[in-house]
């Protein structure tokens, strides 16, 4: 079974219609997050799919997308009612 790695996916999209579509795409891969930053546990193949989906959507002149790998061994500090990210037993893509 492929090993999933934790990433933070963040985007800044100028067009409201592309922004809604970016939200749908990223939420399809996410296990948690809010606003424009989402926690995603991805295999290498899923990471490639996410990049390909976003590349088709985004305007290189006005939009931004970042996928940042989080070190699994790093300690994660949460504040307030935040819950540390966890790799769930199963994922539903749909």
C-alpha atoms as a PDB file:
ATOM      1  CA  UNK A   1       0.000   0.000   0.000  1.00  0.00           C
ATOM      2  CA  UNK A   2       1.298   3.452  -0.891  1.00  0.00           C
ATOM      3  CA  UNK A   3       2.569   5.630   1.941  1.00  0.00           C
ATOM      4  CA  UNK A   4       0.630   8.857   2.467  1.00  0.00           C
ATOM      5  CA  UNK A   5       2.461  12.052   3.391  1.00  0.00           C
ATOM      6  CA  UNK A   6       0.985  15.127   5.060  1.00  0.00           C
ATOM      7  CA  UNK A   7       0.848  18.317   2.984  1.00  0.00           C
ATOM      8  CA  UNK A   8      -0.652  21.744   3.446  1.00  0.00           C
ATOM      9  CA  UNK A   9      -2.391  22.897   0.273  1.00  0.00           C
ATOM     10  CA  UNK A  10      -2.924  26.642  -0.062  1.00  0.00           C
ATOM     11  CA  UNK A  11      -4.249  28.735  -2.902  1.00  0.00           C
ATOM     12  CA  UNK A  12      -4.999  32.329  -3.839  1.00  0.00           C
ATOM     13  CA  UNK A  13      -7.258  32.612  -6.873  1.00  0.00           C
ATOM     14  CA  UNK A  14      -8.314  35.949  -8.410  1.00  0.00           C
ATOM     15  CA  UNK A  15     -11.497  34.901 -10.228  1.00  0.00           C
ATOM     16  CA  UNK A  16     -14.537  34.038  -8.053  1.00  0.00           C
ATOM     17  CA  UNK A  17     -15.586  31.207 -10.384  1.00  0.00           C
ATOM     18  CA  UNK A  18     -12.083  29.672 -10.428  1.00  0.00           C
ATOM     19  CA  UNK A  19     -11.891  30.189  -6.648  1.00  0.00           C
ATOM     20  CA  UNK A  20     -15.027  28.071  -6.141  1.00  0.00           C
ATOM     21  CA  UNK A  21     -13.613  25.392  -8.435  1.00  0.00           C
ATOM     22  CA  UNK A  22     -10.232  25.453  -6.624  1.00  0.00           C
ATOM     23  CA  UNK A  23     -12.081  24.930  -3.334  1.00  0.00           C
ATOM     24  CA  UNK A  24     -13.888  21.877  -4.779  1.00  0.00           C
ATOM     25  CA  UNK A  25     -10.652  20.388  -6.118  1.00  0.00           C
ATOM     26  CA  UNK A  26      -8.608  20.830  -2.941  1.00  0.00           C
ATOM     27  CA  UNK A  27     -11.431  19.720  -0.628  1.00  0.00           C
ATOM     28  CA  UNK A  28     -11.616  16.523  -2.686  1.00  0.00           C
ATOM     29  CA  UNK A  29      -8.126  15.644  -1.441  1.00  0.00           C
ATOM     30  CA  UNK A  30      -8.309  17.202   2.042  1.00  0.00           C
ATOM     31  CA  UNK A  31      -8.916  15.680   5.449  1.00  0.00           C
ATOM     32  CA  UNK A  32      -9.237  19.012   7.215  1.00  0.00           C
ATOM     33  CA  UNK A  33      -8.500  22.723   7.055  1.00  0.00           C
ATOM     34  CA  UNK A  34     -10.240  26.014   6.643  1.00  0.00           C
ATOM     35  CA  UNK A  35     -10.535  28.971   4.280  1.00  0.00           C
ATOM     36  CA  UNK A  36      -7.741  28.597   1.701  1.00  0.00           C
ATOM     37  CA  UNK A  37      -5.417  26.169   3.538  1.00  0.00           C
ATOM     38  CA  UNK A  38      -6.153  22.446   3.771  1.00  0.00           C
ATOM     39  CA  UNK A  39      -4.472  19.396   5.299  1.00  0.00           C
ATOM     40  CA  UNK A  40      -4.030  16.651   2.715  1.00  0.00           C
ATOM     41  CA  UNK A  41      -2.612  13.153   3.259  1.00  0.00           C
ATOM     42  CA  UNK A  42      -1.492  12.200  -0.260  1.00  0.00           C
ATOM     43  CA  UNK A  43       0.288   9.390  -2.015  1.00  0.00           C
ATOM     44  CA  UNK A  44       2.746  10.421  -4.718  1.00  0.00           C
ATOM     45  CA  UNK A  45       0.116   9.590  -7.361  1.00  0.00           C
ATOM     46  CA  UNK A  46      -2.556  11.690  -5.613  1.00  0.00           C
ATOM     47  CA  UNK A  47      -0.092  14.570  -5.320  1.00  0.00           C
ATOM     48  CA  UNK A  48       0.469  14.392  -9.069  1.00  0.00           C
ATOM     49  CA  UNK A  49      -3.279  14.300  -9.704  1.00  0.00           C
ATOM     50  CA  UNK A  50      -3.858  17.329  -7.470  1.00  0.00           C
ATOM     51  CA  UNK A  51      -1.168  19.317  -9.290  1.00  0.00           C
ATOM     52  CA  UNK A  52      -2.602  18.313 -12.670  1.00  0.00           C
ATOM     53  CA  UNK A  53      -6.136  19.314 -11.635  1.00  0.00           C
ATOM     54  CA  UNK A  54      -4.980  22.683 -10.311  1.00  0.00           C
ATOM     55  CA  UNK A  55      -2.756  23.332 -13.344  1.00  0.00           C
ATOM     56  CA  UNK A  56      -5.761  22.972 -15.646  1.00  0.00           C
ATOM     57  CA  UNK A  57      -7.745  25.463 -13.549  1.00  0.00           C
ATOM     58  CA  UNK A  58      -5.353  28.220 -12.519  1.00  0.00           C
ATOM     59  CA  UNK A  59      -4.265  31.307 -14.431  1.00  0.00           C
ATOM     60  CA  UNK A  60      -0.472  31.513 -14.137  1.00  0.00           C
ATOM     61  CA  UNK A  61      -0.575  35.318 -14.280  1.00  0.00           C
ATOM     62  CA  UNK A  62      -3.005  35.919 -11.392  1.00  0.00           C
ATOM     63  CA  UNK A  63      -3.376  32.763  -9.276  1.00  0.00           C
ATOM     64  CA  UNK A  64      -1.136  30.940  -6.815  1.00  0.00           C
ATOM     65  CA  UNK A  65      -1.055  27.368  -5.477  1.00  0.00           C
ATOM     66  CA  UNK A  66       1.351  25.896  -2.923  1.00  0.00           C
ATOM     67  CA  UNK A  67       1.667  22.341  -1.666  1.00  0.00           C
ATOM     68  CA  UNK A  68       3.956  22.176   1.371  1.00  0.00           C
ATOM     69  CA  UNK A  69       5.149  18.877   2.831  1.00  0.00           C
ATOM     70  CA  UNK A  70       4.909  18.629   6.619  1.00  0.00           C
ATOM     71  CA  UNK A  71       7.547  16.480   8.314  1.00  0.00           C
ATOM     72  CA  UNK A  72       5.689  13.564   9.922  1.00  0.00           C
ATOM     73  CA  UNK A  73       8.141  13.540  12.845  1.00  0.00           C
ATOM     74  CA  UNK A  74       7.795  17.251  13.576  1.00  0.00           C
ATOM     75  CA  UNK A  75       5.761  18.274  16.572  1.00  0.00           C
ATOM     76  CA  UNK A  76       2.558  20.052  15.593  1.00  0.00           C
ATOM     77  CA  UNK A  77       1.379  22.939  17.746  1.00  0.00           C
ATOM     78  CA  UNK A  78      -2.330  23.699  17.715  1.00  0.00           C
ATOM     79  CA  UNK A  79      -4.063  26.658  19.340  1.00  0.00           C
ATOM     80  CA  UNK A  80      -7.618  27.176  20.563  1.00  0.00           C
ATOM     81  CA  UNK A  81     -10.007  24.409  19.524  1.00  0.00           C
ATOM     82  CA  UNK A  82      -7.732  23.202  16.708  1.00  0.00           C
ATOM     83  CA  UNK A  83      -7.260  19.447  16.319  1.00  0.00           C
ATOM     84  CA  UNK A  84      -3.895  18.039  15.137  1.00  0.00           C
ATOM     85  CA  UNK A  85      -4.113  16.435  11.677  1.00  0.00           C
ATOM     86  CA  UNK A  86      -4.469  12.649  11.607  1.00  0.00           C
ATOM     87  CA  UNK A  87      -4.229  10.218   8.714  1.00  0.00           C
ATOM     88  CA  UNK A  88      -7.696   8.601   8.606  1.00  0.00           C
ATOM     89  CA  UNK A  89      -8.202   4.893   8.030  1.00  0.00           C
ATOM     90  CA  UNK A  90      -9.995   5.461   4.720  1.00  0.00           C
ATOM     91  CA  UNK A  91     -10.634   8.176   2.163  1.00  0.00           C
ATOM     92  CA  UNK A  92     -13.652   8.839   0.013  1.00  0.00           C
ATOM     93  CA  UNK A  93     -13.058  10.580  -3.314  1.00  0.00           C
ATOM     94  CA  UNK A  94     -16.252  11.635  -4.993  1.00  0.00           C
END
